[in-house]
Protein backbone atom coordinates (compact mmCIF):
# COMPACT_ATOMS: atom_id res chain seq x y z
CA UNK A 1 0.00 0.00 0.00
CA UNK A 2 1.26 3.47 -0.87
CA UNK A 3 1.12 6.86 0.74
CA UNK A 4 -1.74 7.89 3.02
CA UNK A 5 -4.72 9.37 1.14
CA UNK A 6 -4.78 13.17 1.64
CA UNK A 7 -8.38 13.09 2.90
CA UNK A 8 -7.03 11.55 6.09
CA UNK A 9 -5.16 14.80 6.75
CA UNK A 10 -8.27 17.00 6.54
CA UNK A 11 -9.05 18.85 9.76
CA UNK A 12 -12.59 18.01 10.89
CA UNK A 13 -12.78 21.40 12.60
CA UNK A 14 -13.21 22.88 9.12
CA UNK A 15 -15.93 20.42 8.04
CA UNK A 16 -18.54 23.07 8.82
CA UNK A 17 -18.93 25.49 5.90
CA UNK A 18 -19.28 28.37 8.37
CA UNK A 19 -16.06 27.53 10.24
CA UNK A 20 -14.24 27.01 6.92
CA UNK A 21 -15.50 30.37 5.62
CA UNK A 22 -14.68 32.09 8.90
CA UNK A 23 -11.05 30.97 8.72
CA UNK A 24 -10.85 32.02 5.07
CA UNK A 25 -12.15 35.48 6.00
CA UNK A 26 -9.41 35.80 8.62
CA UNK A 27 -6.60 34.56 6.34
CA UNK A 28 -4.73 37.83 5.97
CA UNK A 29 -4.30 38.21 9.72
CA UNK A 30 -7.16 40.67 9.80
CA UNK A 31 -9.09 41.25 12.99
CA UNK A 32 -12.76 41.54 12.11
CA UNK A 33 -15.66 42.43 14.34
CA UNK A 34 -18.57 40.08 14.84
CA UNK A 35 -21.12 42.09 12.84
CA UNK A 36 -18.75 42.44 9.86
CA UNK A 37 -18.12 38.68 9.89
CA UNK A 38 -21.86 37.98 10.04
CA UNK A 39 -22.42 40.25 7.06
CA UNK A 40 -19.48 38.94 5.00
CA UNK A 41 -20.33 35.29 5.70
CA UNK A 42 -24.08 35.87 5.33
CA UNK A 43 -24.81 33.94 8.49
CA UNK A 44 -26.96 34.50 11.55
CA UNK A 45 -25.58 35.58 14.90
CA UNK A 46 -26.23 32.25 16.63
CA UNK A 47 -24.50 30.12 13.98
CA UNK A 48 -21.54 32.51 13.84
CA UNK A 49 -21.25 32.61 17.63
CA UNK A 50 -21.17 28.80 17.80
CA UNK A 51 -18.51 28.65 15.09
CA UNK A 52 -16.33 31.24 16.79
CA UNK A 53 -16.73 29.46 20.13
CA UNK A 54 -15.70 26.14 18.58
CA UNK A 55 -12.61 27.59 16.89
CA UNK A 56 -11.71 29.56 20.02
CA UNK A 57 -11.95 26.46 22.23
CA UNK A 58 -9.36 24.64 20.10
CA UNK A 59 -7.10 27.65 19.82
CA UNK A 60 -7.66 28.47 16.14
CA UNK A 61 -9.02 31.99 16.77
CA UNK A 62 -8.72 34.56 19.50
CA UNK A 63 -11.39 37.01 20.53
CA UNK A 64 -11.20 40.46 22.02
CA UNK A 65 -14.08 42.29 23.62
CA UNK A 66 -14.38 46.03 23.83
CA UNK A 67 -16.67 48.94 23.15
CA UNK A 68 -17.18 51.34 20.30
CA UNK A 69 -18.84 54.32 21.87
CA UNK A 70 -21.16 52.73 24.38
CA UNK A 71 -21.83 49.61 22.30
CA UNK A 72 -20.10 46.32 23.15
CA UNK A 73 -18.14 44.68 20.32
CA UNK A 74 -16.28 41.42 19.79
CA UNK A 75 -13.35 41.16 17.41
CA UNK A 76 -12.00 37.88 16.07
CA UNK A 77 -8.53 37.06 14.74
CA UNK A 78 -6.95 33.78 13.64
CA UNK A 79 -4.09 32.47 15.74
CA UNK A 80 -0.82 31.12 14.40
CA UNK A 81 -2.04 27.63 15.29
CA UNK A 82 -5.28 28.22 13.39
CA UNK A 83 -3.45 29.62 10.36
CA UNK A 84 -1.16 26.57 10.24
CA UNK A 85 -4.07 24.16 10.62
CA UNK A 86 -6.06 25.93 7.91
CA UNK A 87 -3.07 25.97 5.53
CA UNK A 88 -2.58 22.23 6.09
CA UNK A 89 -6.28 21.65 5.44
CA UNK A 90 -6.14 23.64 2.19
CA UNK A 91 -3.02 21.74 1.15
CA UNK A 92 -4.80 18.42 1.77
CA UNK A 93 -7.77 19.60 -0.32
CA UNK A 94 -5.44 20.52 -3.17
CA UNK A 95 -3.75 17.11 -2.93
CA UNK A 96 -7.15 15.42 -3.12
CA UNK A 97 -7.90 17.30 -6.35
CA UNK A 98 -4.50 16.40 -7.76
CA UNK A 99 -4.82 12.78 -6.60
CA UNK A 100 -8.21 12.47 -8.32
CA UNK A 101 -6.89 14.00 -11.52
CA UNK A 102 -3.87 11.70 -11.61
CA UNK A 103 -6.11 8.60 -11.68
CA UNK A 104 -7.59 9.39 -15.10
PDB file of N, CA and C in Angstrom:
ATOM      1  N   UNK A   1       0.847  -1.177   0.000  1.00  0.00           N
ATOM      2  CA  UNK A   1       0.000   0.000   0.000  1.00  0.00           C
ATOM      3  C   UNK A   1       0.894   1.242   0.000  1.00  0.00           C
ATOM      4  N   UNK A   2       0.465   2.267  -0.694  1.00  0.00           N
ATOM      5  CA  UNK A   2       1.261   3.472  -0.873  1.00  0.00           C
ATOM      6  C   UNK A   2       1.063   4.494   0.228  1.00  0.00           C
ATOM      7  N   UNK A   3       1.234   5.715  -0.155  1.00  0.00           N
ATOM      8  CA  UNK A   3       1.123   6.857   0.736  1.00  0.00           C
ATOM      9  C   UNK A   3      -0.308   7.030   1.240  1.00  0.00           C
ATOM     10  N   UNK A   4      -0.437   7.617   2.409  1.00  0.00           N
ATOM     11  CA  UNK A   4      -1.741   7.886   3.016  1.00  0.00           C
ATOM     12  C   UNK A   4      -2.564   8.823   2.126  1.00  0.00           C
ATOM     13  N   UNK A   5      -3.849   8.508   1.941  1.00  0.00           N
ATOM     14  CA  UNK A   5      -4.718   9.366   1.142  1.00  0.00           C
ATOM     15  C   UNK A   5      -4.826  10.729   1.822  1.00  0.00           C
ATOM     16  N   UNK A   6      -4.749  11.823   1.050  1.00  0.00           N
ATOM     17  CA  UNK A   6      -4.775  13.167   1.642  1.00  0.00           C
ATOM     18  C   UNK A   6      -6.044  13.476   2.425  1.00  0.00           C
ATOM     19  N   UNK A   7      -7.150  12.808   2.154  1.00  0.00           N
ATOM     20  CA  UNK A   7      -8.384  13.090   2.903  1.00  0.00           C
ATOM     21  C   UNK A   7      -8.221  12.777   4.384  1.00  0.00           C
ATOM     22  N   UNK A   8      -7.276  11.909   4.699  1.00  0.00           N
ATOM     23  CA  UNK A   8      -7.032  11.549   6.089  1.00  0.00           C
ATOM     24  C   UNK A   8      -6.307  12.658   6.850  1.00  0.00           C
ATOM     25  N   UNK A   9      -5.819  13.657   6.121  1.00  0.00           N
ATOM     26  CA  UNK A   9      -5.157  14.804   6.750  1.00  0.00           C
ATOM     27  C   UNK A   9      -6.070  16.031   6.834  1.00  0.00           C
ATOM     28  N   UNK A  10      -7.325  15.895   6.403  1.00  0.00           N
ATOM     29  CA  UNK A  10      -8.274  17.004   6.536  1.00  0.00           C
ATOM     30  C   UNK A  10      -8.578  17.229   8.012  1.00  0.00           C
ATOM     31  N   UNK A  11      -8.749  18.466   8.387  1.00  0.00           N
ATOM     32  CA  UNK A  11      -9.052  18.846   9.759  1.00  0.00           C
ATOM     33  C   UNK A  11     -10.568  18.928   9.911  1.00  0.00           C
ATOM     34  N   UNK A  12     -11.129  18.043  10.708  1.00  0.00           N
ATOM     35  CA  UNK A  12     -12.590  18.006  10.893  1.00  0.00           C
ATOM     36  C   UNK A  12     -13.156  19.293  11.468  1.00  0.00           C
ATOM     37  N   UNK A  13     -12.311  20.118  12.075  1.00  0.00           N
ATOM     38  CA  UNK A  13     -12.785  21.395  12.604  1.00  0.00           C
ATOM     39  C   UNK A  13     -13.213  22.347  11.497  1.00  0.00           C
ATOM     40  N   UNK A  14     -12.817  22.059  10.261  1.00  0.00           N
ATOM     41  CA  UNK A  14     -13.212  22.883   9.124  1.00  0.00           C
ATOM     42  C   UNK A  14     -14.286  22.203   8.273  1.00  0.00           C
ATOM     43  N   UNK A  15     -14.881  21.122   8.780  1.00  0.00           N
ATOM     44  CA  UNK A  15     -15.934  20.415   8.038  1.00  0.00           C
ATOM     45  C   UNK A  15     -17.198  21.271   7.922  1.00  0.00           C
ATOM     46  N   UNK A  16     -17.399  22.156   8.872  1.00  0.00           N
ATOM     47  CA  UNK A  16     -18.540  23.067   8.822  1.00  0.00           C
ATOM     48  C   UNK A  16     -18.251  24.173   7.808  1.00  0.00           C
ATOM     49  N   UNK A  17     -19.157  24.406   6.864  1.00  0.00           N
ATOM     50  CA  UNK A  17     -18.933  25.489   5.898  1.00  0.00           C
ATOM     51  C   UNK A  17     -18.768  26.864   6.554  1.00  0.00           C
ATOM     52  N   UNK A  18     -19.410  27.083   7.690  1.00  0.00           N
ATOM     53  CA  UNK A  18     -19.280  28.374   8.366  1.00  0.00           C
ATOM     54  C   UNK A  18     -17.887  28.505   8.975  1.00  0.00           C
ATOM     55  N   UNK A  19     -17.400  27.465   9.651  1.00  0.00           N
ATOM     56  CA  UNK A  19     -16.061  27.532  10.241  1.00  0.00           C
ATOM     57  C   UNK A  19     -14.996  27.650   9.150  1.00  0.00           C
ATOM     58  N   UNK A  20     -15.173  26.927   8.050  1.00  0.00           N
ATOM     59  CA  UNK A  20     -14.243  27.015   6.924  1.00  0.00           C
ATOM     60  C   UNK A  20     -14.223  28.448   6.381  1.00  0.00           C
ATOM     61  N   UNK A  21     -15.390  29.010   6.150  1.00  0.00           N
ATOM     62  CA  UNK A  21     -15.501  30.368   5.616  1.00  0.00           C
ATOM     63  C   UNK A  21     -14.970  31.408   6.591  1.00  0.00           C
ATOM     64  N   UNK A  22     -15.184  31.181   7.870  1.00  0.00           N
ATOM     65  CA  UNK A  22     -14.683  32.091   8.902  1.00  0.00           C
ATOM     66  C   UNK A  22     -13.157  32.147   8.864  1.00  0.00           C
ATOM     67  N   UNK A  23     -12.520  30.994   8.789  1.00  0.00           N
ATOM     68  CA  UNK A  23     -11.053  30.972   8.725  1.00  0.00           C
ATOM     69  C   UNK A  23     -10.557  31.618   7.436  1.00  0.00           C
ATOM     70  N   UNK A  24     -11.249  31.394   6.341  1.00  0.00           N
ATOM     71  CA  UNK A  24     -10.850  32.015   5.067  1.00  0.00           C
ATOM     72  C   UNK A  24     -10.953  33.538   5.167  1.00  0.00           C
ATOM     73  N   UNK A  25     -11.975  34.030   5.852  1.00  0.00           N
ATOM     74  CA  UNK A  25     -12.151  35.481   5.996  1.00  0.00           C
ATOM     75  C   UNK A  25     -11.042  36.101   6.842  1.00  0.00           C
ATOM     76  N   UNK A  26     -10.446  35.302   7.720  1.00  0.00           N
ATOM     77  CA  UNK A  26      -9.408  35.802   8.616  1.00  0.00           C
ATOM     78  C   UNK A  26      -7.996  35.499   8.112  1.00  0.00           C
ATOM     79  N   UNK A  27      -7.885  35.016   6.891  1.00  0.00           N
ATOM     80  CA  UNK A  27      -6.602  34.559   6.344  1.00  0.00           C
ATOM     81  C   UNK A  27      -5.483  35.589   6.365  1.00  0.00           C
ATOM     82  N   UNK A  28      -5.775  36.806   6.090  1.00  0.00           N
ATOM     83  CA  UNK A  28      -4.727  37.825   5.974  1.00  0.00           C
ATOM     84  C   UNK A  28      -4.287  38.389   7.325  1.00  0.00           C
ATOM     85  N   UNK A  29      -4.659  37.719   8.401  1.00  0.00           N
ATOM     86  CA  UNK A  29      -4.298  38.213   9.720  1.00  0.00           C
ATOM     87  C   UNK A  29      -5.174  39.353  10.185  1.00  0.00           C
ATOM     88  N   UNK A  30      -6.248  39.585   9.446  1.00  0.00           N
ATOM     89  CA  UNK A  30      -7.159  40.666   9.802  1.00  0.00           C
ATOM     90  C   UNK A  30      -7.904  40.331  11.087  1.00  0.00           C
ATOM     91  N   UNK A  31      -8.212  41.358  11.836  1.00  0.00           N
ATOM     92  CA  UNK A  31      -9.091  41.248  12.987  1.00  0.00           C
ATOM     93  C   UNK A  31     -10.411  41.866  12.559  1.00  0.00           C
ATOM     94  N   UNK A  32     -11.456  41.060  12.557  1.00  0.00           N
ATOM     95  CA  UNK A  32     -12.765  41.541  12.108  1.00  0.00           C
ATOM     96  C   UNK A  32     -13.755  41.479  13.259  1.00  0.00           C
ATOM     97  N   UNK A  33     -14.649  42.447  13.290  1.00  0.00           N
ATOM     98  CA  UNK A  33     -15.662  42.432  14.340  1.00  0.00           C
ATOM     99  C   UNK A  33     -16.794  41.494  13.963  1.00  0.00           C
ATOM    100  N   UNK A  34     -17.522  41.084  14.973  1.00  0.00           N
ATOM    101  CA  UNK A  34     -18.569  40.080  14.838  1.00  0.00           C
ATOM    102  C   UNK A  34     -19.590  40.463  13.763  1.00  0.00           C
ATOM    103  N   UNK A  35     -20.070  41.695  13.786  1.00  0.00           N
ATOM    104  CA  UNK A  35     -21.119  42.087  12.835  1.00  0.00           C
ATOM    105  C   UNK A  35     -20.589  42.099  11.396  1.00  0.00           C
ATOM    106  N   UNK A  36     -19.339  42.485  11.210  1.00  0.00           N
ATOM    107  CA  UNK A  36     -18.753  42.436   9.864  1.00  0.00           C
ATOM    108  C   UNK A  36     -18.655  41.002   9.391  1.00  0.00           C
ATOM    109  N   UNK A  37     -18.206  40.098  10.265  1.00  0.00           N
ATOM    110  CA  UNK A  37     -18.121  38.685   9.893  1.00  0.00           C
ATOM    111  C   UNK A  37     -19.496  38.122   9.535  1.00  0.00           C
ATOM    112  N   UNK A  38     -20.511  38.465  10.322  1.00  0.00           N
ATOM    113  CA  UNK A  38     -21.862  37.979  10.043  1.00  0.00           C
ATOM    114  C   UNK A  38     -22.332  38.452   8.671  1.00  0.00           C
ATOM    115  N   UNK A  39     -22.020  39.692   8.354  1.00  0.00           N
ATOM    116  CA  UNK A  39     -22.425  40.248   7.064  1.00  0.00           C
ATOM    117  C   UNK A  39     -21.644  39.606   5.910  1.00  0.00           C
ATOM    118  N   UNK A  40     -20.331  39.501   6.056  1.00  0.00           N
ATOM    119  CA  UNK A  40     -19.483  38.935   5.003  1.00  0.00           C
ATOM    120  C   UNK A  40     -19.831  37.468   4.745  1.00  0.00           C
ATOM    121  N   UNK A  41     -20.049  36.729   5.824  1.00  0.00           N
ATOM    122  CA  UNK A  41     -20.326  35.292   5.696  1.00  0.00           C
ATOM    123  C   UNK A  41     -21.802  34.990   5.437  1.00  0.00           C
ATOM    124  N   UNK A  42     -22.637  36.020   5.541  1.00  0.00           N
ATOM    125  CA  UNK A  42     -24.080  35.870   5.332  1.00  0.00           C
ATOM    126  C   UNK A  42     -24.651  34.761   6.223  1.00  0.00           C
ATOM    127  N   UNK A  43     -24.406  34.943   7.512  1.00  0.00           N
ATOM    128  CA  UNK A  43     -24.812  33.938   8.486  1.00  0.00           C
ATOM    129  C   UNK A  43     -25.427  34.638   9.697  1.00  0.00           C
ATOM    130  N   UNK A  44     -26.320  33.948  10.367  1.00  0.00           N
ATOM    131  CA  UNK A  44     -26.961  34.496  11.549  1.00  0.00           C
ATOM    132  C   UNK A  44     -26.030  34.555  12.750  1.00  0.00           C
ATOM    133  N   UNK A  45     -26.406  35.375  13.713  1.00  0.00           N
ATOM    134  CA  UNK A  45     -25.581  35.577  14.902  1.00  0.00           C
ATOM    135  C   UNK A  45     -25.337  34.283  15.675  1.00  0.00           C
ATOM    136  N   UNK A  46     -26.363  33.471  15.844  1.00  0.00           N
ATOM    137  CA  UNK A  46     -26.232  32.247  16.626  1.00  0.00           C
ATOM    138  C   UNK A  46     -25.244  31.274  15.983  1.00  0.00           C
ATOM    139  N   UNK A  47     -25.389  31.051  14.687  1.00  0.00           N
ATOM    140  CA  UNK A  47     -24.497  30.121  13.982  1.00  0.00           C
ATOM    141  C   UNK A  47     -23.052  30.630  13.997  1.00  0.00           C
ATOM    142  N   UNK A  48     -22.882  31.937  13.827  1.00  0.00           N
ATOM    143  CA  UNK A  48     -21.540  32.511  13.841  1.00  0.00           C
ATOM    144  C   UNK A  48     -20.938  32.410  15.239  1.00  0.00           C
ATOM    145  N   UNK A  49     -21.716  32.700  16.252  1.00  0.00           N
ATOM    146  CA  UNK A  49     -21.248  32.614  17.627  1.00  0.00           C
ATOM    147  C   UNK A  49     -20.780  31.195  17.961  1.00  0.00           C
ATOM    148  N   UNK A  50     -21.542  30.202  17.551  1.00  0.00           N
ATOM    149  CA  UNK A  50     -21.174  28.801  17.796  1.00  0.00           C
ATOM    150  C   UNK A  50     -19.879  28.452  17.069  1.00  0.00           C
ATOM    151  N   UNK A  51     -19.722  28.932  15.855  1.00  0.00           N
ATOM    152  CA  UNK A  51     -18.510  28.648  15.089  1.00  0.00           C
ATOM    153  C   UNK A  51     -17.287  29.301  15.720  1.00  0.00           C
ATOM    154  N   UNK A  52     -17.439  30.549  16.131  1.00  0.00           N
ATOM    155  CA  UNK A  52     -16.334  31.244  16.789  1.00  0.00           C
ATOM    156  C   UNK A  52     -15.967  30.534  18.090  1.00  0.00           C
ATOM    157  N   UNK A  53     -16.974  30.149  18.864  1.00  0.00           N
ATOM    158  CA  UNK A  53     -16.730  29.456  20.133  1.00  0.00           C
ATOM    159  C   UNK A  53     -15.975  28.153  19.916  1.00  0.00           C
ATOM    160  N   UNK A  54     -16.367  27.408  18.892  1.00  0.00           N
ATOM    161  CA  UNK A  54     -15.698  26.137  18.578  1.00  0.00           C
ATOM    162  C   UNK A  54     -14.231  26.378  18.232  1.00  0.00           C
ATOM    163  N   UNK A  55     -13.982  27.311  17.327  1.00  0.00           N
ATOM    164  CA  UNK A  55     -12.611  27.586  16.889  1.00  0.00           C
ATOM    165  C   UNK A  55     -11.779  28.207  18.012  1.00  0.00           C
ATOM    166  N   UNK A  56     -12.415  28.969  18.870  1.00  0.00           N
ATOM    167  CA  UNK A  56     -11.712  29.563  20.020  1.00  0.00           C
ATOM    168  C   UNK A  56     -11.317  28.472  21.011  1.00  0.00           C
ATOM    169  N   UNK A  57     -12.210  27.530  21.261  1.00  0.00           N
ATOM    170  CA  UNK A  57     -11.953  26.461  22.231  1.00  0.00           C
ATOM    171  C   UNK A  57     -10.752  25.600  21.838  1.00  0.00           C
ATOM    172  N   UNK A  58     -10.498  25.461  20.549  1.00  0.00           N
ATOM    173  CA  UNK A  58      -9.363  24.642  20.103  1.00  0.00           C
ATOM    174  C   UNK A  58      -8.136  25.488  19.773  1.00  0.00           C
ATOM    175  N   UNK A  59      -8.247  26.783  19.998  1.00  0.00           N
ATOM    176  CA  UNK A  59      -7.095  27.651  19.822  1.00  0.00           C
ATOM    177  C   UNK A  59      -6.837  28.129  18.410  1.00  0.00           C
ATOM    178  N   UNK A  60      -7.835  28.044  17.537  1.00  0.00           N
ATOM    179  CA  UNK A  60      -7.665  28.467  16.142  1.00  0.00           C
ATOM    180  C   UNK A  60      -7.966  29.944  15.929  1.00  0.00           C
ATOM    181  N   UNK A  61      -8.756  30.543  16.826  1.00  0.00           N
ATOM    182  CA  UNK A  61      -9.019  31.988  16.771  1.00  0.00           C
ATOM    183  C   UNK A  61      -8.932  32.560  18.175  1.00  0.00           C
ATOM    184  N   UNK A  62      -8.659  33.848  18.229  1.00  0.00           N
ATOM    185  CA  UNK A  62      -8.719  34.560  19.504  1.00  0.00           C
ATOM    186  C   UNK A  62      -9.801  35.620  19.380  1.00  0.00           C
ATOM    187  N   UNK A  63     -10.356  35.985  20.513  1.00  0.00           N
ATOM    188  CA  UNK A  63     -11.392  37.013  20.530  1.00  0.00           C
ATOM    189  C   UNK A  63     -10.971  38.117  21.484  1.00  0.00           C
ATOM    190  N   UNK A  64     -11.466  39.290  21.186  1.00  0.00           N
ATOM    191  CA  UNK A  64     -11.204  40.461  22.020  1.00  0.00           C
ATOM    192  C   UNK A  64     -12.513  41.225  22.149  1.00  0.00           C
ATOM    193  N   UNK A  65     -12.853  41.535  23.368  1.00  0.00           N
ATOM    194  CA  UNK A  65     -14.083  42.292  23.618  1.00  0.00           C
ATOM    195  C   UNK A  65     -13.733  43.726  23.970  1.00  0.00           C
ATOM    196  N   UNK A  66     -14.581  44.624  23.535  1.00  0.00           N
ATOM    197  CA  UNK A  66     -14.377  46.032  23.826  1.00  0.00           C
ATOM    198  C   UNK A  66     -15.651  46.798  23.527  1.00  0.00           C
ATOM    199  N   UNK A  67     -15.514  48.082  23.448  1.00  0.00           N
ATOM    200  CA  UNK A  67     -16.665  48.936  23.150  1.00  0.00           C
ATOM    201  C   UNK A  67     -16.304  49.943  22.076  1.00  0.00           C
ATOM    202  N   UNK A  68     -17.284  50.244  21.261  1.00  0.00           N
ATOM    203  CA  UNK A  68     -17.182  51.339  20.304  1.00  0.00           C
ATOM    204  C   UNK A  68     -18.275  52.299  20.717  1.00  0.00           C
ATOM    205  N   UNK A  69     -17.860  53.433  21.238  1.00  0.00           N
ATOM    206  CA  UNK A  69     -18.839  54.315  21.872  1.00  0.00           C
ATOM    207  C   UNK A  69     -19.326  53.615  23.123  1.00  0.00           C
ATOM    208  N   UNK A  70     -20.606  53.449  23.222  1.00  0.00           N
ATOM    209  CA  UNK A  70     -21.162  52.734  24.376  1.00  0.00           C
ATOM    210  C   UNK A  70     -21.637  51.328  24.006  1.00  0.00           C
ATOM    211  N   UNK A  71     -21.348  50.912  22.763  1.00  0.00           N
ATOM    212  CA  UNK A  71     -21.826  49.610  22.296  1.00  0.00           C
ATOM    213  C   UNK A  71     -20.740  48.547  22.424  1.00  0.00           C
ATOM    214  N   UNK A  72     -21.080  47.395  23.025  1.00  0.00           N
ATOM    215  CA  UNK A  72     -20.099  46.320  23.150  1.00  0.00           C
ATOM    216  C   UNK A  72     -19.797  45.701  21.777  1.00  0.00           C
ATOM    217  N   UNK A  73     -18.562  45.307  21.574  1.00  0.00           N
ATOM    218  CA  UNK A  73     -18.140  44.678  20.316  1.00  0.00           C
ATOM    219  C   UNK A  73     -17.227  43.505  20.633  1.00  0.00           C
ATOM    220  N   UNK A  74     -17.213  42.549  19.722  1.00  0.00           N
ATOM    221  CA  UNK A  74     -16.285  41.423  19.794  1.00  0.00           C
ATOM    222  C   UNK A  74     -15.525  41.372  18.486  1.00  0.00           C
ATOM    223  N   UNK A  75     -14.202  41.302  18.589  1.00  0.00           N
ATOM    224  CA  UNK A  75     -13.348  41.161  17.413  1.00  0.00           C
ATOM    225  C   UNK A  75     -12.740  39.771  17.416  1.00  0.00           C
ATOM    226  N   UNK A  76     -12.520  39.243  16.227  1.00  0.00           N
ATOM    227  CA  UNK A  76     -11.996  37.884  16.068  1.00  0.00           C
ATOM    228  C   UNK A  76     -10.765  37.934  15.162  1.00  0.00           C
ATOM    229  N   UNK A  77      -9.765  37.147  15.524  1.00  0.00           N
ATOM    230  CA  UNK A  77      -8.526  37.058  14.737  1.00  0.00           C
ATOM    231  C   UNK A  77      -8.067  35.592  14.754  1.00  0.00           C
ATOM    232  N   UNK A  78      -7.506  35.139  13.653  1.00  0.00           N
ATOM    233  CA  UNK A  78      -6.950  33.784  13.637  1.00  0.00           C
ATOM    234  C   UNK A  78      -5.642  33.777  14.422  1.00  0.00           C
ATOM    235  N   UNK A  79      -5.350  32.639  15.032  1.00  0.00           N
ATOM    236  CA  UNK A  79      -4.093  32.469  15.739  1.00  0.00           C
ATOM    237  C   UNK A  79      -3.087  31.807  14.805  1.00  0.00           C
ATOM    238  N   UNK A  80      -1.854  31.799  15.201  1.00  0.00           N
ATOM    239  CA  UNK A  80      -0.820  31.117  14.398  1.00  0.00           C
ATOM    240  C   UNK A  80      -1.172  29.643  14.249  1.00  0.00           C
ATOM    241  N   UNK A  81      -1.632  29.042  15.331  1.00  0.00           N
ATOM    242  CA  UNK A  81      -2.039  27.630  15.285  1.00  0.00           C
ATOM    243  C   UNK A  81      -3.177  27.421  14.278  1.00  0.00           C
ATOM    244  N   UNK A  82      -4.158  28.317  14.315  1.00  0.00           N
ATOM    245  CA  UNK A  82      -5.283  28.222  13.387  1.00  0.00           C
ATOM    246  C   UNK A  82      -4.851  28.415  11.945  1.00  0.00           C
ATOM    247  N   UNK A  83      -3.952  29.367  11.718  1.00  0.00           N
ATOM    248  CA  UNK A  83      -3.454  29.616  10.360  1.00  0.00           C
ATOM    249  C   UNK A  83      -2.714  28.399   9.820  1.00  0.00           C
ATOM    250  N   UNK A  84      -1.894  27.771  10.667  1.00  0.00           N
ATOM    251  CA  UNK A  84      -1.158  26.571  10.242  1.00  0.00           C
ATOM    252  C   UNK A  84      -2.111  25.414   9.954  1.00  0.00           C
ATOM    253  N   UNK A  85      -3.097  25.236  10.816  1.00  0.00           N
ATOM    254  CA  UNK A  85      -4.070  24.159  10.616  1.00  0.00           C
ATOM    255  C   UNK A  85      -4.880  24.382   9.345  1.00  0.00           C
ATOM    256  N   UNK A  86      -5.270  25.626   9.107  1.00  0.00           N
ATOM    257  CA  UNK A  86      -6.063  25.926   7.910  1.00  0.00           C
ATOM    258  C   UNK A  86      -5.224  25.736   6.649  1.00  0.00           C
ATOM    259  N   UNK A  87      -3.966  26.164   6.690  1.00  0.00           N
ATOM    260  CA  UNK A  87      -3.072  25.974   5.534  1.00  0.00           C
ATOM    261  C   UNK A  87      -2.883  24.492   5.245  1.00  0.00           C
ATOM    262  N   UNK A  88      -2.726  23.677   6.278  1.00  0.00           N
ATOM    263  CA  UNK A  88      -2.575  22.232   6.088  1.00  0.00           C
ATOM    264  C   UNK A  88      -3.850  21.630   5.504  1.00  0.00           C
ATOM    265  N   UNK A  89      -4.991  22.113   5.959  1.00  0.00           N
ATOM    266  CA  UNK A  89      -6.282  21.647   5.443  1.00  0.00           C
ATOM    267  C   UNK A  89      -6.417  21.988   3.954  1.00  0.00           C
ATOM    268  N   UNK A  90      -6.080  23.229   3.598  1.00  0.00           N
ATOM    269  CA  UNK A  90      -6.137  23.643   2.190  1.00  0.00           C
ATOM    270  C   UNK A  90      -5.180  22.824   1.335  1.00  0.00           C
ATOM    271  N   UNK A  91      -4.001  22.539   1.879  1.00  0.00           N
ATOM    272  CA  UNK A  91      -3.023  21.735   1.152  1.00  0.00           C
ATOM    273  C   UNK A  91      -3.568  20.318   0.909  1.00  0.00           C
ATOM    274  N   UNK A  92      -4.203  19.746   1.923  1.00  0.00           N
ATOM    275  CA  UNK A  92      -4.799  18.416   1.769  1.00  0.00           C
ATOM    276  C   UNK A  92      -5.908  18.434   0.725  1.00  0.00           C
ATOM    277  N   UNK A  93      -6.725  19.482   0.709  1.00  0.00           N
ATOM    278  CA  UNK A  93      -7.775  19.597  -0.315  1.00  0.00           C
ATOM    279  C   UNK A  93      -7.168  19.636  -1.711  1.00  0.00           C
ATOM    280  N   UNK A  94      -6.102  20.427  -1.872  1.00  0.00           N
ATOM    281  CA  UNK A  94      -5.437  20.517  -3.169  1.00  0.00           C
ATOM    282  C   UNK A  94      -4.868  19.162  -3.581  1.00  0.00           C
ATOM    283  N   UNK A  95      -4.282  18.440  -2.633  1.00  0.00           N
ATOM    284  CA  UNK A  95      -3.747  17.111  -2.928  1.00  0.00           C
ATOM    285  C   UNK A  95      -4.854  16.143  -3.341  1.00  0.00           C
ATOM    286  N   UNK A  96      -6.025  16.277  -2.730  1.00  0.00           N
ATOM    287  CA  UNK A  96      -7.153  15.420  -3.115  1.00  0.00           C
ATOM    288  C   UNK A  96      -7.527  15.675  -4.567  1.00  0.00           C
ATOM    289  N   UNK A  97      -7.584  16.946  -4.963  1.00  0.00           N
ATOM    290  CA  UNK A  97      -7.905  17.300  -6.351  1.00  0.00           C
ATOM    291  C   UNK A  97      -6.844  16.720  -7.287  1.00  0.00           C
ATOM    292  N   UNK A  98      -5.591  16.907  -6.931  1.00  0.00           N
ATOM    293  CA  UNK A  98      -4.501  16.401  -7.758  1.00  0.00           C
ATOM    294  C   UNK A  98      -4.500  14.871  -7.806  1.00  0.00           C
ATOM    295  N   UNK A  99      -4.779  14.234  -6.682  1.00  0.00           N
ATOM    296  CA  UNK A  99      -4.824  12.775  -6.602  1.00  0.00           C
ATOM    297  C   UNK A  99      -5.919  12.228  -7.522  1.00  0.00           C
ATOM    298  N   UNK A 100      -7.100  12.900  -7.467  1.00  0.00           N
ATOM    299  CA  UNK A 100      -8.213  12.468  -8.318  1.00  0.00           C
ATOM    300  C   UNK A 100      -7.893  12.635  -9.788  1.00  0.00           C
ATOM    301  N   UNK A 101      -7.250  13.729 -10.138  1.00  0.00           N
ATOM    302  CA  UNK A 101      -6.887  13.996 -11.523  1.00  0.00           C
ATOM    303  C   UNK A 101      -5.820  13.074 -12.043  1.00  0.00           C
ATOM    304  N   UNK A 102      -4.968  12.569 -11.168  1.00  0.00           N
ATOM    305  CA  UNK A 102      -3.874  11.697 -11.614  1.00  0.00           C
ATOM    306  C   UNK A 102      -4.353  10.281 -11.891  1.00  0.00           C
ATOM    307  N   UNK A 103      -5.557   9.965 -11.492  1.00  0.00           N
ATOM    308  CA  UNK A 103      -6.107   8.599 -11.680  1.00  0.00           C
ATOM    309  C   UNK A 103      -6.806   8.435 -13.022  1.00  0.00           C
ATOM    310  N   UNK A 104      -6.881   9.493 -13.818  1.00  0.00           N
ATOM    311  CA  UNK A 104      -7.588   9.391 -15.101  1.00  0.00           C
ATOM    312  C   UNK A 104      -6.692   8.879 -16.179  1.00  0.00           C
TER     313      UNK A 104
END
